Amino acid sequence: MLVINTVNSIEALTGESFTCDYKEDGGFIRFALSSAPGRESSLLLDAMVLGLRSVKERYGNEIKLKE
């Protein structure tokens, strides 16, 4: 949910160009900005990573983060 919210927020609030691929049944999302992130996108992405790390701390075996 954090990742989807971040992608939707970048689309709605920043106007930055990106690609996004996903697998509905596997929980896999690949997101790539077309250029270096602007200030707003960078902040949104940092907030997403912070949230994902918090989830990982609580549910370590249930989530895999690849940075």
PDB file of N, CA and C in Angstrom:
ATOM      1  N   MET A   1       0.821  -1.187   0.000  1.00  0.00           N
ATOM      2  CA  MET A   1       0.000   0.000   0.000  1.00  0.00           C
ATOM      3  C   MET A   1       0.867   1.254   0.000  1.00  0.00           C
ATOM      4  N   LEU A   2       1.975   1.222   0.749  1.00  0.00           N
ATOM      5  CA  LEU A   2       2.876   2.383   0.781  1.00  0.00           C
ATOM      6  C   LEU A   2       3.443   2.690  -0.604  1.00  0.00           C
ATOM      7  N   VAL A   3       3.815   1.660  -1.328  1.00  0.00           N
ATOM      8  CA  VAL A   3       4.412   1.860  -2.657  1.00  0.00           C
ATOM      9  C   VAL A   3       3.370   2.410  -3.628  1.00  0.00           C
ATOM     10  N   ILE A   4       2.202   1.823  -3.628  1.00  0.00           N
ATOM     11  CA  ILE A   4       1.135   2.282  -4.530  1.00  0.00           C
ATOM     12  C   ILE A   4       0.769   3.727  -4.219  1.00  0.00           C
ATOM     13  N   ASN A   5       0.668   4.070  -2.943  1.00  0.00           N
ATOM     14  CA  ASN A   5       0.364   5.445  -2.555  1.00  0.00           C
ATOM     15  C   ASN A   5       1.453   6.404  -3.031  1.00  0.00           C
ATOM     16  N   THR A   6       2.699   5.987  -2.921  1.00  0.00           N
ATOM     17  CA  THR A   6       3.802   6.836  -3.367  1.00  0.00           C
ATOM     18  C   THR A   6       3.764   7.060  -4.872  1.00  0.00           C
ATOM     19  N   VAL A   7       3.546   5.991  -5.627  1.00  0.00           N
ATOM     20  CA  VAL A   7       3.449   6.119  -7.085  1.00  0.00           C
ATOM     21  C   VAL A   7       2.292   7.050  -7.455  1.00  0.00           C
ATOM     22  N   ASN A   8       1.142   6.848  -6.830  1.00  0.00           N
ATOM     23  CA  ASN A   8      -0.019   7.703  -7.111  1.00  0.00           C
ATOM     24  C   ASN A   8       0.256   9.155  -6.727  1.00  0.00           C
ATOM     25  N   SER A   9       0.943   9.365  -5.621  1.00  0.00           N
ATOM     26  CA  SER A   9       1.257  10.721  -5.169  1.00  0.00           C
ATOM     27  C   SER A   9       2.226  11.411  -6.120  1.00  0.00           C
ATOM     28  N   ILE A  10       3.242  10.692  -6.572  1.00  0.00           N
ATOM     29  CA  ILE A  10       4.183  11.283  -7.526  1.00  0.00           C
ATOM     30  C   ILE A  10       3.458  11.665  -8.805  1.00  0.00           C
ATOM     31  N   GLU A  11       2.571  10.797  -9.264  1.00  0.00           N
ATOM     32  CA  GLU A  11       1.816  11.099 -10.481  1.00  0.00           C
ATOM     33  C   GLU A  11       0.911  12.321 -10.289  1.00  0.00           C
ATOM     34  N   ALA A  12       0.203  12.372  -9.184  1.00  0.00           N
ATOM     35  CA  ALA A  12      -0.779  13.435  -8.972  1.00  0.00           C
ATOM     36  C   ALA A  12      -0.168  14.763  -8.540  1.00  0.00           C
ATOM     37  N   LEU A  13       0.938  14.711  -7.815  1.00  0.00           N
ATOM     38  CA  LEU A  13       1.445  15.933  -7.188  1.00  0.00           C
ATOM     39  C   LEU A  13       2.693  16.522  -7.825  1.00  0.00           C
ATOM     40  N   THR A  14       3.421  15.733  -8.627  1.00  0.00           N
ATOM     41  CA  THR A  14       4.695  16.253  -9.126  1.00  0.00           C
ATOM     42  C   THR A  14       4.725  16.444 -10.634  1.00  0.00           C
ATOM     43  N   GLY A  15       3.964  15.680 -11.373  1.00  0.00           N
ATOM     44  CA  GLY A  15       4.006  15.768 -12.822  1.00  0.00           C
ATOM     45  C   GLY A  15       5.244  15.141 -13.432  1.00  0.00           C
ATOM     46  N   GLU A  16       6.045  14.435 -12.636  1.00  0.00           N
ATOM     47  CA  GLU A  16       7.251  13.794 -13.158  1.00  0.00           C
ATOM     48  C   GLU A  16       6.876  12.580 -14.005  1.00  0.00           C
ATOM     49  N   SER A  17       7.690  12.297 -15.004  1.00  0.00           N
ATOM     50  CA  SER A  17       7.479  11.167 -15.901  1.00  0.00           C
ATOM     51  C   SER A  17       8.146   9.924 -15.308  1.00  0.00           C
ATOM     52  N   PHE A  18       7.449   8.774 -15.416  1.00  0.00           N
ATOM     53  CA  PHE A  18       7.986   7.532 -14.872  1.00  0.00           C
ATOM     54  C   PHE A  18       7.380   6.329 -15.578  1.00  0.00           C
ATOM     55  N   THR A  19       7.971   5.167 -15.335  1.00  0.00           N
ATOM     56  CA  THR A  19       7.387   3.903 -15.766  1.00  0.00           C
ATOM     57  C   THR A  19       7.105   3.076 -14.521  1.00  0.00           C
ATOM     58  N   CYS A  20       6.095   2.239 -14.614  1.00  0.00           N
ATOM     59  CA  CYS A  20       5.723   1.406 -13.476  1.00  0.00           C
ATOM     60  C   CYS A  20       5.207   0.073 -14.007  1.00  0.00           C
ATOM     61  N   ASP A  21       5.840  -1.012 -13.587  1.00  0.00           N
ATOM     62  CA  ASP A  21       5.405  -2.369 -13.921  1.00  0.00           C
ATOM     63  C   ASP A  21       5.071  -3.088 -12.625  1.00  0.00           C
ATOM     64  N   TYR A  22       4.072  -3.956 -12.682  1.00  0.00           N
ATOM     65  CA  TYR A  22       3.699  -4.680 -11.463  1.00  0.00           C
ATOM     66  C   TYR A  22       3.074  -6.029 -11.806  1.00  0.00           C
ATOM     67  N   LYS A  23       3.079  -6.901 -10.814  1.00  0.00           N
ATOM     68  CA  LYS A  23       2.401  -8.188 -10.900  1.00  0.00           C
ATOM     69  C   LYS A  23       1.378  -8.214  -9.776  1.00  0.00           C
ATOM     70  N   GLU A  24       0.123  -8.247 -10.151  1.00  0.00           N
ATOM     71  CA  GLU A  24      -0.944  -8.191  -9.150  1.00  0.00           C
ATOM     72  C   GLU A  24      -0.899  -9.368  -8.187  1.00  0.00           C
ATOM     73  N   ASP A  25      -0.513 -10.529  -8.669  1.00  0.00           N
ATOM     74  CA  ASP A  25      -0.547 -11.718  -7.815  1.00  0.00           C
ATOM     75  C   ASP A  25       0.733 -11.934  -7.016  1.00  0.00           C
ATOM     76  N   GLY A  26       1.790 -11.175  -7.287  1.00  0.00           N
ATOM     77  CA  GLY A  26       3.053 -11.439  -6.621  1.00  0.00           C
ATOM     78  C   GLY A  26       3.565 -10.342  -5.705  1.00  0.00           C
ATOM     79  N   GLY A  27       2.872  -9.232  -5.645  1.00  0.00           N
ATOM     80  CA  GLY A  27       3.326  -8.147  -4.800  1.00  0.00           C
ATOM     81  C   GLY A  27       4.581  -7.468  -5.308  1.00  0.00           C
ATOM     82  N   PHE A  28       4.873  -7.593  -6.591  1.00  0.00           N
ATOM     83  CA  PHE A  28       6.075  -7.016  -7.191  1.00  0.00           C
ATOM     84  C   PHE A  28       5.725  -5.726  -7.907  1.00  0.00           C
ATOM     85  N   ILE A  29       6.487  -4.666  -7.618  1.00  0.00           N
ATOM     86  CA  ILE A  29       6.318  -3.394  -8.314  1.00  0.00           C
ATOM     87  C   ILE A  29       7.703  -2.869  -8.672  1.00  0.00           C
ATOM     88  N   ARG A  30       7.869  -2.494  -9.943  1.00  0.00           N
ATOM     89  CA  ARG A  30       9.097  -1.836 -10.379  1.00  0.00           C
ATOM     90  C   ARG A  30       8.712  -0.443 -10.854  1.00  0.00           C
ATOM     91  N   PHE A  31       9.331   0.556 -10.246  1.00  0.00           N
ATOM     92  CA  PHE A  31       9.031   1.954 -10.517  1.00  0.00           C
ATOM     93  C   PHE A  31      10.329   2.650 -10.890  1.00  0.00           C
ATOM     94  N   ALA A  32      10.321   3.419 -11.969  1.00  0.00           N
ATOM     95  CA  ALA A  32      11.524   4.146 -12.384  1.00  0.00           C
ATOM     96  C   ALA A  32      11.139   5.524 -12.901  1.00  0.00           C
ATOM     97  N   LEU A  33      11.745   6.536 -12.335  1.00  0.00           N
ATOM     98  CA  LEU A  33      11.571   7.891 -12.844  1.00  0.00           C
ATOM     99  C   LEU A  33      12.353   8.028 -14.135  1.00  0.00           C
ATOM    100  N   SER A  34      11.867   8.841 -15.047  1.00  0.00           N
ATOM    101  CA  SER A  34      12.528   9.053 -16.335  1.00  0.00           C
ATOM    102  C   SER A  34      13.791   9.900 -16.205  1.00  0.00           C
ATOM    103  N   SER A  35      13.880  10.671 -15.118  1.00  0.00           N
ATOM    104  CA  SER A  35      15.055  11.502 -14.865  1.00  0.00           C
ATOM    105  C   SER A  35      15.271  11.560 -13.349  1.00  0.00           C
ATOM    106  N   ALA A  36      16.310  12.257 -12.941  1.00  0.00           N
ATOM    107  CA  ALA A  36      16.582  12.389 -11.507  1.00  0.00           C
ATOM    108  C   ALA A  36      15.362  12.981 -10.801  1.00  0.00           C
ATOM    109  N   PRO A  37      15.055  12.479  -9.611  1.00  0.00           N
ATOM    110  CA  PRO A  37      13.866  12.977  -8.916  1.00  0.00           C
ATOM    111  C   PRO A  37      14.009  14.430  -8.497  1.00  0.00           C
ATOM    112  N   GLY A  38      12.900  15.147  -8.638  1.00  0.00           N
ATOM    113  CA  GLY A  38      12.844  16.513  -8.129  1.00  0.00           C
ATOM    114  C   GLY A  38      12.693  16.486  -6.619  1.00  0.00           C
ATOM    115  N   ARG A  39      12.632  17.647  -6.024  1.00  0.00           N
ATOM    116  CA  ARG A  39      12.550  17.750  -4.561  1.00  0.00           C
ATOM    117  C   ARG A  39      11.327  17.026  -4.002  1.00  0.00           C
ATOM    118  N   GLU A  40      10.165  17.234  -4.612  1.00  0.00           N
ATOM    119  CA  GLU A  40       8.935  16.632  -4.107  1.00  0.00           C
ATOM    120  C   GLU A  40       8.975  15.104  -4.227  1.00  0.00           C
ATOM    121  N   SER A  41       9.392  14.612  -5.396  1.00  0.00           N
ATOM    122  CA  SER A  41       9.466  13.163  -5.593  1.00  0.00           C
ATOM    123  C   SER A  41      10.475  12.535  -4.650  1.00  0.00           C
ATOM    124  N   SER A  42      11.588  13.203  -4.453  1.00  0.00           N
ATOM    125  CA  SER A  42      12.615  12.688  -3.552  1.00  0.00           C
ATOM    126  C   SER A  42      12.073  12.565  -2.126  1.00  0.00           C
ATOM    127  N   LEU A  43      11.335  13.562  -1.691  1.00  0.00           N
ATOM    128  CA  LEU A  43      10.733  13.530  -0.361  1.00  0.00           C
ATOM    129  C   LEU A  43       9.711  12.402  -0.248  1.00  0.00           C
ATOM    130  N   LEU A  44       8.875  12.244  -1.248  1.00  0.00           N
ATOM    131  CA  LEU A  44       7.881  11.171  -1.239  1.00  0.00           C
ATOM    132  C   LEU A  44       8.550   9.802  -1.224  1.00  0.00           C
ATOM    133  N   LEU A  45       9.599   9.634  -2.010  1.00  0.00           N
ATOM    134  CA  LEU A  45      10.317   8.356  -2.042  1.00  0.00           C
ATOM    135  C   LEU A  45      11.017   8.080  -0.714  1.00  0.00           C
ATOM    136  N   ASP A  46      11.608   9.093  -0.106  1.00  0.00           N
ATOM    137  CA  ASP A  46      12.243   8.915   1.204  1.00  0.00           C
ATOM    138  C   ASP A  46      11.220   8.505   2.257  1.00  0.00           C
ATOM    139  N   ALA A  47      10.042   9.111   2.214  1.00  0.00           N
ATOM    140  CA  ALA A  47       8.980   8.759   3.159  1.00  0.00           C
ATOM    141  C   ALA A  47       8.529   7.320   2.945  1.00  0.00           C
ATOM    142  N   MET A  48       8.449   6.883   1.690  1.00  0.00           N
ATOM    143  CA  MET A  48       8.062   5.503   1.394  1.00  0.00           C
ATOM    144  C   MET A  48       9.090   4.527   1.964  1.00  0.00           C
ATOM    145  N   VAL A  49      10.372   4.801   1.740  1.00  0.00           N
ATOM    146  CA  VAL A  49      11.428   3.917   2.238  1.00  0.00           C
ATOM    147  C   VAL A  49      11.394   3.860   3.761  1.00  0.00           C
ATOM    148  N   LEU A  50      11.198   4.986   4.406  1.00  0.00           N
ATOM    149  CA  LEU A  50      11.080   5.013   5.862  1.00  0.00           C
ATOM    150  C   LEU A  50       9.939   4.112   6.334  1.00  0.00           C
ATOM    151  N   GLY A  51       8.800   4.215   5.677  1.00  0.00           N
ATOM    152  CA  GLY A  51       7.654   3.379   6.026  1.00  0.00           C
ATOM    153  C   GLY A  51       7.918   1.908   5.782  1.00  0.00           C
ATOM    154  N   LEU A  52       8.543   1.577   4.662  1.00  0.00           N
ATOM    155  CA  LEU A  52       8.847   0.180   4.357  1.00  0.00           C
ATOM    156  C   LEU A  52       9.849  -0.411   5.346  1.00  0.00           C
ATOM    157  N   ARG A  53      10.831   0.376   5.740  1.00  0.00           N
ATOM    158  CA  ARG A  53      11.791  -0.097   6.742  1.00  0.00           C
ATOM    159  C   ARG A  53      11.105  -0.357   8.081  1.00  0.00           C
ATOM    160  N   SER A  54      10.151   0.481   8.434  1.00  0.00           N
ATOM    161  CA  SER A  54       9.404   0.279   9.674  1.00  0.00           C
ATOM    162  C   SER A  54       8.594  -1.012   9.623  1.00  0.00           C
ATOM    163  N   VAL A  55       7.969  -1.266   8.479  1.00  0.00           N
ATOM    164  CA  VAL A  55       7.208  -2.512   8.311  1.00  0.00           C
ATOM    165  C   VAL A  55       8.160  -3.705   8.386  1.00  0.00           C
ATOM    166  N   LYS A  56       9.328  -3.595   7.759  1.00  0.00           N
ATOM    167  CA  LYS A  56      10.320  -4.669   7.771  1.00  0.00           C
ATOM    168  C   LYS A  56      10.765  -4.981   9.198  1.00  0.00           C
ATOM    169  N   GLU A  57      10.973  -3.949  10.013  1.00  0.00           N
ATOM    170  CA  GLU A  57      11.370  -4.160  11.407  1.00  0.00           C
ATOM    171  C   GLU A  57      10.323  -4.949  12.176  1.00  0.00           C
ATOM    172  N   ARG A  58       9.078  -4.665  11.903  1.00  0.00           N
ATOM    173  CA  ARG A  58       7.997  -5.334  12.644  1.00  0.00           C
ATOM    174  C   ARG A  58       7.677  -6.717  12.092  1.00  0.00           C
ATOM    175  N   TYR A  59       7.731  -6.871  10.777  1.00  0.00           N
ATOM    176  CA  TYR A  59       7.356  -8.123  10.122  1.00  0.00           C
ATOM    177  C   TYR A  59       8.513  -8.627   9.265  1.00  0.00           C
ATOM    178  N   GLY A  60       9.686  -8.767   9.837  1.00  0.00           N
ATOM    179  CA  GLY A  60      10.915  -9.078   9.124  1.00  0.00           C
ATOM    180  C   GLY A  60      10.842 -10.196   8.105  1.00  0.00           C
ATOM    181  N   ASN A  61      10.180 -11.288   8.420  1.00  0.00           N
ATOM    182  CA  ASN A  61      10.126 -12.430   7.504  1.00  0.00           C
ATOM    183  C   ASN A  61       9.048 -12.299   6.448  1.00  0.00           C
ATOM    184  N   GLU A  62       8.180 -11.318   6.579  1.00  0.00           N
ATOM    185  CA  GLU A  62       7.047 -11.171   5.662  1.00  0.00           C
ATOM    186  C   GLU A  62       7.302 -10.210   4.525  1.00  0.00           C
ATOM    187  N   ILE A  63       8.392  -9.467   4.601  1.00  0.00           N
ATOM    188  CA  ILE A  63       8.674  -8.473   3.568  1.00  0.00           C
ATOM    189  C   ILE A  63      10.158  -8.538   3.186  1.00  0.00           C
ATOM    190  N   LYS A  64      10.418  -8.373   1.914  1.00  0.00           N
ATOM    191  CA  LYS A  64      11.792  -8.358   1.410  1.00  0.00           C
ATOM    192  C   LYS A  64      12.021  -7.038   0.704  1.00  0.00           C
ATOM    193  N   LEU A  65      13.007  -6.298   1.178  1.00  0.00           N
ATOM    194  CA  LEU A  65      13.356  -5.024   0.555  1.00  0.00           C
ATOM    195  C   LEU A  65      14.660  -5.192  -0.186  1.00  0.00           C
ATOM    196  N   LYS A  66      14.693  -4.674  -1.396  1.00  0.00           N
ATOM    197  CA  LYS A  66      15.912  -4.708  -2.202  1.00  0.00           C
ATOM    198  C   LYS A  66      16.230  -3.269  -2.573  1.00  0.00           C
ATOM    199  N   GLU A  67      17.311  -2.760  -2.009  1.00  0.00           N
ATOM    200  CA  GLU A  67      17.681  -1.356  -2.235  1.00  0.00           C
ATOM    201  C   GLU A  67      18.919  -1.279  -3.104  1.00  0.00           C
TER     202      GLU A  67
END
